[in-house]
Protein backbone atom coordinates (compact mmCIF):
# COMPACT_ATOMS: atom_id res chain seq x y z
CA MET A 1 5.20 -9.28 -6.09
CA ASP A 2 1.59 -8.81 -8.27
CA SER A 3 -1.48 -9.34 -7.22
CA TYR A 4 -4.86 -10.36 -9.03
CA LYS A 5 -7.94 -11.12 -6.94
CA SER A 6 -11.60 -12.57 -8.12
CA ASP A 7 -14.66 -12.11 -6.63
CA ILE A 8 -15.83 -13.08 -3.70
CA VAL A 9 -17.87 -15.96 -4.10
CA THR A 10 -20.33 -17.83 -2.55
CA ILE A 11 -20.56 -21.77 -2.39
CA ASN A 12 -23.32 -23.33 -0.66
CA HIS A 13 -21.41 -25.64 1.55
CA PRO A 14 -20.02 -25.45 5.07
CA ILE A 15 -16.30 -23.88 5.23
CA GLU A 16 -14.78 -27.62 6.41
CA LEU A 17 -16.66 -29.55 3.43
CA VAL A 18 -14.91 -27.08 0.56
CA TYR A 19 -11.43 -26.56 2.43
CA SER A 20 -11.21 -30.71 2.82
CA LYS A 21 -12.12 -30.85 -1.06
CA LEU A 22 -9.90 -27.97 -1.88
CA SER A 23 -6.74 -29.00 0.30
CA THR A 24 -6.56 -32.42 -1.49
CA PRO A 25 -6.29 -32.55 -5.22
CA SER A 26 -7.12 -36.36 -5.94
CA SER A 27 -10.62 -35.55 -4.67
CA PHE A 28 -11.25 -33.83 -8.01
CA LYS A 29 -10.65 -36.88 -9.74
CA ASN A 30 -13.96 -37.98 -10.52
CA ILE A 31 -14.67 -34.52 -12.32
CA ALA A 32 -11.38 -34.59 -14.96
CA ASN A 33 -13.79 -33.98 -17.60
CA ILE A 34 -13.17 -30.93 -19.54
CA ASP A 35 -16.89 -31.09 -20.95
CA ALA A 36 -18.18 -30.37 -17.30
CA LEU A 37 -16.02 -27.37 -17.26
CA PRO A 38 -17.48 -23.32 -18.23
CA ASN A 39 -16.72 -23.10 -22.10
CA GLU A 40 -14.62 -20.19 -21.02
CA VAL A 41 -12.16 -22.33 -19.60
CA LYS A 42 -12.17 -25.52 -21.58
CA GLU A 43 -11.16 -22.62 -24.58
CA LYS A 44 -7.56 -22.15 -22.60
CA ILE A 45 -7.40 -25.87 -20.58
CA ASN A 46 -6.81 -28.97 -22.91
CA GLU A 47 -5.81 -31.61 -19.84
CA ILE A 48 -6.42 -31.55 -16.28
CA THR A 49 -4.90 -34.34 -13.95
CA PHE A 50 -5.08 -34.75 -10.28
CA GLY A 51 -2.74 -35.88 -7.49
CA ASP A 52 -2.29 -36.15 -3.73
CA ASP A 53 -0.73 -32.41 -3.72
CA SER A 54 -0.91 -30.68 -7.39
CA ILE A 55 -3.21 -29.67 -9.89
CA ALA A 56 -1.34 -30.27 -13.43
CA PHE A 57 -2.83 -28.84 -16.43
CA SER A 58 -1.82 -28.37 -19.84
CA VAL A 59 -3.09 -24.29 -21.13
CA ASN A 60 -2.73 -22.27 -24.81
CA PRO A 61 -0.26 -20.71 -25.24
CA ILE A 62 1.57 -20.99 -21.76
CA GLY A 63 1.61 -25.31 -22.22
CA GLU A 64 2.00 -27.64 -18.89
CA VAL A 65 1.87 -25.54 -15.45
CA VAL A 66 1.60 -27.88 -12.27
CA LEU A 67 0.42 -25.84 -9.43
CA GLN A 68 1.74 -28.17 -6.35
CA ILE A 69 0.10 -27.76 -2.15
CA VAL A 70 2.77 -25.66 -0.65
CA GLU A 71 0.40 -24.68 2.43
CA ARG A 72 -2.74 -25.42 3.81
CA THR A 73 -4.18 -23.89 6.77
CA GLU A 74 -7.62 -25.31 7.79
CA PRO A 75 -10.05 -24.38 7.27
CA VAL A 76 -9.51 -21.43 6.11
CA LYS A 77 -6.37 -20.89 3.15
CA VAL A 78 -4.84 -23.50 0.88
CA VAL A 79 -1.84 -22.51 -0.76
CA LEU A 80 -0.73 -23.64 -4.44
CA SER A 81 3.04 -22.73 -6.04
CA ALA A 82 3.48 -23.57 -9.53
CA VAL A 83 6.22 -25.69 -10.39
CA LYS A 84 7.34 -25.64 -13.94
CA LEU A 85 6.43 -22.09 -15.18
CA PRO A 86 10.20 -19.56 -15.61
CA ILE A 87 8.30 -16.97 -12.92
CA PRO A 88 7.11 -17.69 -9.55
CA LEU A 89 3.27 -17.99 -9.27
CA ASN A 90 1.20 -19.06 -6.24
CA VAL A 91 -2.70 -19.15 -6.37
CA VAL A 92 -3.85 -18.80 -2.79
CA LEU A 93 -7.78 -20.18 -2.19
CA SER A 94 -9.34 -17.97 0.41
CA LEU A 95 -12.13 -19.47 2.49
CA GLU A 96 -14.69 -17.59 5.19
CA LYS A 97 -17.63 -19.11 6.80
CA VAL A 98 -20.82 -17.37 6.31
CA ASP A 99 -23.00 -19.99 8.15
CA ASP A 100 -23.04 -23.41 8.95
CA THR A 101 -23.89 -24.40 5.12
CA THR A 102 -22.65 -21.55 3.38
CA THR A 103 -18.57 -20.27 2.87
CA HIS A 104 -17.23 -17.49 0.48
CA ALA A 105 -14.57 -17.74 -1.21
CA VAL A 106 -11.66 -15.70 -3.23
CA ALA A 107 -8.84 -16.83 -5.56
CA GLU A 108 -5.84 -14.95 -5.55
CA ILE A 109 -3.03 -15.37 -8.55
CA GLN A 110 0.56 -13.87 -7.11
CA VAL A 111 2.61 -13.72 -9.62
CA GLU A 112 6.38 -11.68 -9.75
CA LEU A 113 6.45 -9.70 -12.97
CA ASN A 114 8.97 -7.68 -14.24
CA MET A 115 7.77 -4.34 -15.72
CA PHE A 116 8.44 -5.19 -19.08
CA ILE A 117 5.97 -8.38 -19.38
CA ARG A 118 2.97 -6.85 -16.75
CA PRO A 119 1.17 -5.01 -19.28
CA MET A 120 1.39 -7.81 -21.05
CA VAL A 121 -0.13 -10.40 -18.99
CA GLU A 122 -2.15 -7.94 -17.19
CA LYS A 123 -5.54 -8.75 -18.68
CA PRO A 124 -5.20 -12.55 -18.80
CA LEU A 125 -3.99 -12.60 -15.15
CA THR A 126 -6.61 -10.74 -13.75
CA GLU A 127 -9.14 -12.88 -15.85
CA GLY A 128 -7.60 -16.10 -14.79
CA ALA A 129 -8.60 -15.40 -10.95
CA LYS A 130 -12.19 -14.62 -12.08
CA LYS A 131 -12.72 -17.31 -13.49
CA PHE A 132 -10.64 -19.27 -10.88
CA GLY A 133 -13.23 -18.02 -8.16
CA GLU A 134 -15.93 -18.63 -10.49
CA LEU A 135 -15.24 -22.13 -11.10
CA LEU A 136 -14.87 -22.31 -6.83
CA ALA A 137 -18.08 -21.10 -6.94
CA ILE A 138 -19.88 -24.04 -9.35
CA LEU A 139 -17.60 -27.36 -7.97
CA PRO A 140 -20.01 -29.90 -7.16
CA TYR A 141 -18.54 -30.68 -3.81
CA ASN A 142 -20.89 -33.07 -2.71
CA ALA A 143 -19.76 -35.38 -5.75
CA MET A 144 -16.83 -35.78 -5.23
């Protein structure tokens, strides 16, 4: 399985709050407005919907992607697995407590690629993991 990780990002909220929001996708319904996302994300994602245990979005040029939570390890990890993709793909959100008000996070995309597809998707997956990590850092955890 191939792995693509974001940089470590700093979130200025306690790990318990960050974990509670990330492990309950429906808590993001308040920020489902695409216009609130960074421009690089808006260019690729058309629509986002949040369920109790899933996130669904339409991404160019792939189409609809549904990520379902398959693992929760409180308060350090949330694993989402793609439900409607032709290849196995997981997104692992790893959290680390820095102090009572600060959390470090890393987003990792794990995907099973054959050697023919790997060269074509390596760059977008690397960029996707990085953008996912950046998104974790700017989410309004208190507003949700």
